[in-house]
Amino acid sequence: MYRDDLTYDEGALVYLKVSPRKGHYRFGLKGKLAPRFIGPFKIKKRVGNVAYELELPPQMSGIHPVFHISMLRLAKSKAGERPTVDLSQIDLSEDISYEEQPVQIIDRRVQQLRNKSIPKVLVKWQFHGDSELTWEREDYMRERFPYLFESGTFFKFV
């Protein structure tokens, strides 16, 4: 089924895809974290062939209510529910993205290449579970999030 063939009925409940912003340091790991969705929101009406207008809550009044079909997913029952981010927990920007924050450093390793070593840390991110930990460059994390390294509880050998 092609995206063009997909249609939603007025009144249907859909999730809206949001993008976590972490900068450009992901080095191709962009797809590692599962996409996040907020909602569900009710479809007001279809606008053109591939866009829908949604009924958005008051806290999203600064966001244009018409979205391309690729940003929408049909709300499913409990058994097949999509991973969602609680709208009250995030500061959603006008470009439908939110700032990801690291919560904790879990582990450290050194990636050996032919002629250099790259220290990396295993990071737990806000709004993500333990199954979505990511390896990030240690130098970048120290520069952007120095508070993660201040406690000294994990990095006694640094």
C-alpha atoms as a PDB file:
ATOM      1  CA  MET A   1       0.000   0.000   0.000  1.00  0.00           C
ATOM      2  CA  TYR A   2       1.380   3.370  -1.003  1.00  0.00           C
ATOM      3  CA  ARG A   3       1.135   6.455   1.180  1.00  0.00           C
ATOM      4  CA  ASP A   4      -1.100   8.071  -1.495  1.00  0.00           C
ATOM      5  CA  ASP A   5      -3.598   5.229  -1.120  1.00  0.00           C
ATOM      6  CA  LEU A   6      -3.876   5.817   2.620  1.00  0.00           C
ATOM      7  CA  THR A   7      -6.856   7.889   3.743  1.00  0.00           C
ATOM      8  CA  TYR A   8      -8.417   8.685   7.081  1.00  0.00           C
ATOM      9  CA  ASP A   9     -12.055   9.428   7.843  1.00  0.00           C
ATOM     10  CA  GLU A  10     -13.201  12.652   9.470  1.00  0.00           C
ATOM     11  CA  GLY A  11     -13.537  12.083  13.201  1.00  0.00           C
ATOM     12  CA  ALA A  12     -10.878   9.342  13.253  1.00  0.00           C
ATOM     13  CA  LEU A  13      -8.222   9.497  15.964  1.00  0.00           C
ATOM     14  CA  VAL A  14      -4.610   9.771  14.824  1.00  0.00           C
ATOM     15  CA  TYR A  15      -1.198  10.191  16.414  1.00  0.00           C
ATOM     16  CA  LEU A  16       1.068  13.026  15.254  1.00  0.00           C
ATOM     17  CA  LYS A  17       4.739  12.235  14.672  1.00  0.00           C
ATOM     18  CA  VAL A  18       7.205  14.462  16.537  1.00  0.00           C
ATOM     19  CA  SER A  19      10.976  14.632  16.097  1.00  0.00           C
ATOM     20  CA  PRO A  20      13.432  14.690  18.976  1.00  0.00           C
ATOM     21  CA  ARG A  21      16.265  17.192  18.350  1.00  0.00           C
ATOM     22  CA  LYS A  22      19.712  16.126  19.410  1.00  0.00           C
ATOM     23  CA  GLY A  23      21.862  17.992  16.912  1.00  0.00           C
ATOM     24  CA  HIS A  24      23.982  16.509  14.153  1.00  0.00           C
ATOM     25  CA  TYR A  25      26.215  14.293  16.269  1.00  0.00           C
ATOM     26  CA  ARG A  26      24.214  11.124  15.703  1.00  0.00           C
ATOM     27  CA  PHE A  27      26.529   9.892  12.896  1.00  0.00           C
ATOM     28  CA  GLY A  28      23.924   7.907  11.019  1.00  0.00           C
ATOM     29  CA  LEU A  29      22.204   6.548  14.121  1.00  0.00           C
ATOM     30  CA  LYS A  30      19.192   8.764  13.503  1.00  0.00           C
ATOM     31  CA  GLY A  31      16.816   5.833  13.137  1.00  0.00           C
ATOM     32  CA  LYS A  32      18.028   4.036  16.236  1.00  0.00           C
ATOM     33  CA  LEU A  33      15.416   5.543  18.508  1.00  0.00           C
ATOM     34  CA  ALA A  34      11.847   4.617  17.700  1.00  0.00           C
ATOM     35  CA  PRO A  35       9.758   7.437  16.281  1.00  0.00           C
ATOM     36  CA  ARG A  36       7.652   9.184  18.888  1.00  0.00           C
ATOM     37  CA  PHE A  37       4.072  10.277  18.559  1.00  0.00           C
ATOM     38  CA  ILE A  38       1.785  12.572  20.498  1.00  0.00           C
ATOM     39  CA  GLY A  39      -1.959  12.392  20.672  1.00  0.00           C
ATOM     40  CA  PRO A  40      -4.301  10.968  19.714  1.00  0.00           C
ATOM     41  CA  PHE A  41      -6.008  13.889  17.982  1.00  0.00           C
ATOM     42  CA  LYS A  42      -9.322  13.960  16.156  1.00  0.00           C
ATOM     43  CA  ILE A  43      -9.355  14.644  12.405  1.00  0.00           C
ATOM     44  CA  LYS A  44     -11.493  17.711  11.627  1.00  0.00           C
ATOM     45  CA  LYS A  45     -11.371  17.454   7.850  1.00  0.00           C
ATOM     46  CA  ARG A  46      -9.338  16.430   4.843  1.00  0.00           C
ATOM     47  CA  VAL A  47      -7.425  19.279   3.165  1.00  0.00           C
ATOM     48  CA  GLY A  48      -6.378  18.340  -0.371  1.00  0.00           C
ATOM     49  CA  ASN A  49      -5.220  14.861  -1.349  1.00  0.00           C
ATOM     50  CA  VAL A  50      -2.548  14.257   1.281  1.00  0.00           C
ATOM     51  CA  ALA A  51      -3.222  16.594   4.226  1.00  0.00           C
ATOM     52  CA  TYR A  52      -5.576  16.658   7.196  1.00  0.00           C
ATOM     53  CA  GLU A  53      -6.632  19.313   9.681  1.00  0.00           C
ATOM     54  CA  LEU A  54      -6.545  18.135  13.302  1.00  0.00           C
ATOM     55  CA  GLU A  55      -8.317  19.348  16.439  1.00  0.00           C
ATOM     56  CA  LEU A  56      -5.347  20.423  18.564  1.00  0.00           C
ATOM     57  CA  PRO A  57      -5.434  21.253  22.296  1.00  0.00           C
ATOM     58  CA  PRO A  58      -4.992  24.885  23.474  1.00  0.00           C
ATOM     59  CA  GLN A  59      -1.326  24.350  24.462  1.00  0.00           C
ATOM     60  CA  MET A  60      -0.586  23.671  20.769  1.00  0.00           C
ATOM     61  CA  SER A  61      -2.272  26.866  19.538  1.00  0.00           C
ATOM     62  CA  GLY A  62       0.993  28.148  18.020  1.00  0.00           C
ATOM     63  CA  ILE A  63       1.193  25.148  15.686  1.00  0.00           C
ATOM     64  CA  HIS A  64      -0.553  25.111  12.323  1.00  0.00           C
ATOM     65  CA  PRO A  65      -3.264  22.387  12.503  1.00  0.00           C
ATOM     66  CA  VAL A  66      -2.825  20.965   8.961  1.00  0.00           C
ATOM     67  CA  PHE A  67      -0.419  18.035   8.582  1.00  0.00           C
ATOM     68  CA  HIS A  68       0.790  15.845   5.730  1.00  0.00           C
ATOM     69  CA  ILE A  69      -0.457  12.272   5.858  1.00  0.00           C
ATOM     70  CA  SER A  70       3.118  11.003   6.417  1.00  0.00           C
ATOM     71  CA  MET A  71       3.106  12.639   9.880  1.00  0.00           C
ATOM     72  CA  LEU A  72      -0.082  10.854  10.970  1.00  0.00           C
ATOM     73  CA  ARG A  73      -0.664   7.326  12.234  1.00  0.00           C
ATOM     74  CA  LEU A  74      -4.027   5.807  12.980  1.00  0.00           C
ATOM     75  CA  ALA A  75      -4.592   5.403  16.727  1.00  0.00           C
ATOM     76  CA  LYS A  76      -4.660   1.710  17.533  1.00  0.00           C
ATOM     77  CA  SER A  77      -6.188  -0.314  20.315  1.00  0.00           C
ATOM     78  CA  LYS A  78      -4.251  -1.037  23.520  1.00  0.00           C
ATOM     79  CA  ALA A  79      -2.677  -4.217  22.106  1.00  0.00           C
ATOM     80  CA  GLY A  80      -1.069  -2.424  19.160  1.00  0.00           C
ATOM     81  CA  GLU A  81      -0.533   0.972  20.760  1.00  0.00           C
ATOM     82  CA  ARG A  82       2.268   3.161  19.432  1.00  0.00           C
ATOM     83  CA  PRO A  83       5.004   4.578  21.676  1.00  0.00           C
ATOM     84  CA  THR A  84       3.834   8.061  22.599  1.00  0.00           C
ATOM     85  CA  VAL A  85       5.303  11.043  24.384  1.00  0.00           C
ATOM     86  CA  ASP A  86       3.096  12.748  26.953  1.00  0.00           C
ATOM     87  CA  LEU A  87       2.301  16.214  25.582  1.00  0.00           C
ATOM     88  CA  SER A  88       2.347  17.743  29.073  1.00  0.00           C
ATOM     89  CA  GLN A  89       5.963  16.588  29.622  1.00  0.00           C
ATOM     90  CA  ILE A  90       7.537  18.151  26.542  1.00  0.00           C
ATOM     91  CA  ASP A  91       8.035  21.661  25.222  1.00  0.00           C
ATOM     92  CA  LEU A  92       6.894  21.222  21.628  1.00  0.00           C
ATOM     93  CA  SER A  93       8.234  23.798  19.167  1.00  0.00           C
ATOM     94  CA  GLU A  94       6.424  25.140  16.122  1.00  0.00           C
ATOM     95  CA  ASP A  95       8.300  22.751  13.831  1.00  0.00           C
ATOM     96  CA  ILE A  96       6.782  19.771  15.732  1.00  0.00           C
ATOM     97  CA  SER A  97      10.013  18.828  17.485  1.00  0.00           C
ATOM     98  CA  TYR A  98      11.208  18.748  21.072  1.00  0.00           C
ATOM     99  CA  GLU A  99      14.617  18.863  22.736  1.00  0.00           C
ATOM    100  CA  GLU A 100      15.910  15.510  23.923  1.00  0.00           C
ATOM    101  CA  GLN A 101      17.846  15.534  27.190  1.00  0.00           C
ATOM    102  CA  PRO A 102      20.149  12.800  28.473  1.00  0.00           C
ATOM    103  CA  VAL A 103      19.263  11.492  31.916  1.00  0.00           C
ATOM    104  CA  GLN A 104      22.121   9.188  32.814  1.00  0.00           C
ATOM    105  CA  ILE A 105      25.333   7.639  31.531  1.00  0.00           C
ATOM    106  CA  ILE A 106      25.131   3.882  31.897  1.00  0.00           C
ATOM    107  CA  ASP A 107      28.449   2.604  30.519  1.00  0.00           C
ATOM    108  CA  ARG A 108      31.634   3.597  28.709  1.00  0.00           C
ATOM    109  CA  ARG A 109      33.680   1.944  25.958  1.00  0.00           C
ATOM    110  CA  VAL A 110      36.457   2.824  23.560  1.00  0.00           C
ATOM    111  CA  GLN A 111      35.848   2.094  19.898  1.00  0.00           C
ATOM    112  CA  GLN A 112      39.113   1.093  18.234  1.00  0.00           C
ATOM    113  CA  LEU A 113      39.650   2.123  14.632  1.00  0.00           C
ATOM    114  CA  ARG A 114      42.802   1.461  12.607  1.00  0.00           C
ATOM    115  CA  ASN A 115      44.720   4.488  13.787  1.00  0.00           C
ATOM    116  CA  LYS A 116      42.624   6.087  16.509  1.00  0.00           C
ATOM    117  CA  SER A 117      40.431   5.390  19.508  1.00  0.00           C
ATOM    118  CA  ILE A 118      37.018   6.962  20.046  1.00  0.00           C
ATOM    119  CA  PRO A 119      35.694   7.019  23.634  1.00  0.00           C
ATOM    120  CA  LYS A 120      31.923   6.528  23.742  1.00  0.00           C
ATOM    121  CA  VAL A 121      29.326   6.518  26.502  1.00  0.00           C
ATOM    122  CA  LEU A 122      26.028   4.655  26.721  1.00  0.00           C
ATOM    123  CA  VAL A 123      23.290   7.237  27.318  1.00  0.00           C
ATOM    124  CA  LYS A 124      19.776   6.917  28.688  1.00  0.00           C
ATOM    125  CA  TRP A 125      17.491   9.612  27.225  1.00  0.00           C
ATOM    126  CA  GLN A 126      14.506  11.371  28.740  1.00  0.00           C
ATOM    127  CA  PHE A 127      11.166   9.895  27.573  1.00  0.00           C
ATOM    128  CA  HIS A 128      12.882   6.679  26.372  1.00  0.00           C
ATOM    129  CA  GLY A 129      13.109   3.317  28.079  1.00  0.00           C
ATOM    130  CA  ASP A 130      16.102   1.084  28.713  1.00  0.00           C
ATOM    131  CA  SER A 131      15.616  -0.640  25.361  1.00  0.00           C
ATOM    132  CA  GLU A 132      16.477   2.639  23.595  1.00  0.00           C
ATOM    133  CA  LEU A 133      19.894   3.446  25.064  1.00  0.00           C
ATOM    134  CA  THR A 134      22.384   4.887  22.561  1.00  0.00           C
ATOM    135  CA  TRP A 135      26.170   5.047  22.264  1.00  0.00           C
ATOM    136  CA  GLU A 136      27.362   8.645  21.845  1.00  0.00           C
ATOM    137  CA  ARG A 137      30.803  10.237  21.501  1.00  0.00           C
ATOM    138  CA  GLU A 138      32.112  11.066  24.967  1.00  0.00           C
ATOM    139  CA  ASP A 139      33.755  14.348  23.916  1.00  0.00           C
ATOM    140  CA  TYR A 140      30.487  15.649  22.502  1.00  0.00           C
ATOM    141  CA  MET A 141      28.496  14.617  25.582  1.00  0.00           C
ATOM    142  CA  ARG A 142      31.068  16.244  27.915  1.00  0.00           C
ATOM    143  CA  GLU A 143      30.880  19.463  25.898  1.00  0.00           C
ATOM    144  CA  ARG A 144      27.079  19.660  25.694  1.00  0.00           C
ATOM    145  CA  PHE A 145      26.041  17.989  28.945  1.00  0.00           C
ATOM    146  CA  PRO A 146      28.878  18.412  31.495  1.00  0.00           C
ATOM    147  CA  TYR A 147      26.512  17.849  34.431  1.00  0.00           C
ATOM    148  CA  LEU A 148      26.358  14.140  33.529  1.00  0.00           C
ATOM    149  CA  PHE A 149      30.057  13.800  34.379  1.00  0.00           C
ATOM    150  CA  GLU A 150      30.155  15.909  37.569  1.00  0.00           C
ATOM    151  CA  SER A 151      28.841  13.402  40.081  1.00  0.00           C
ATOM    152  CA  GLY A 152      31.852  11.114  39.762  1.00  0.00           C
ATOM    153  CA  THR A 153      29.752   8.087  40.669  1.00  0.00           C
ATOM    154  CA  PHE A 154      30.190   6.426  37.303  1.00  0.00           C
ATOM    155  CA  PHE A 155      33.453   7.777  35.899  1.00  0.00           C
ATOM    156  CA  LYS A 156      35.921   7.074  38.697  1.00  0.00           C
ATOM    157  CA  PHE A 157      38.576   6.102  36.147  1.00  0.00           C
ATOM    158  CA  VAL A 158      38.362   9.278  34.028  1.00  0.00           C
END
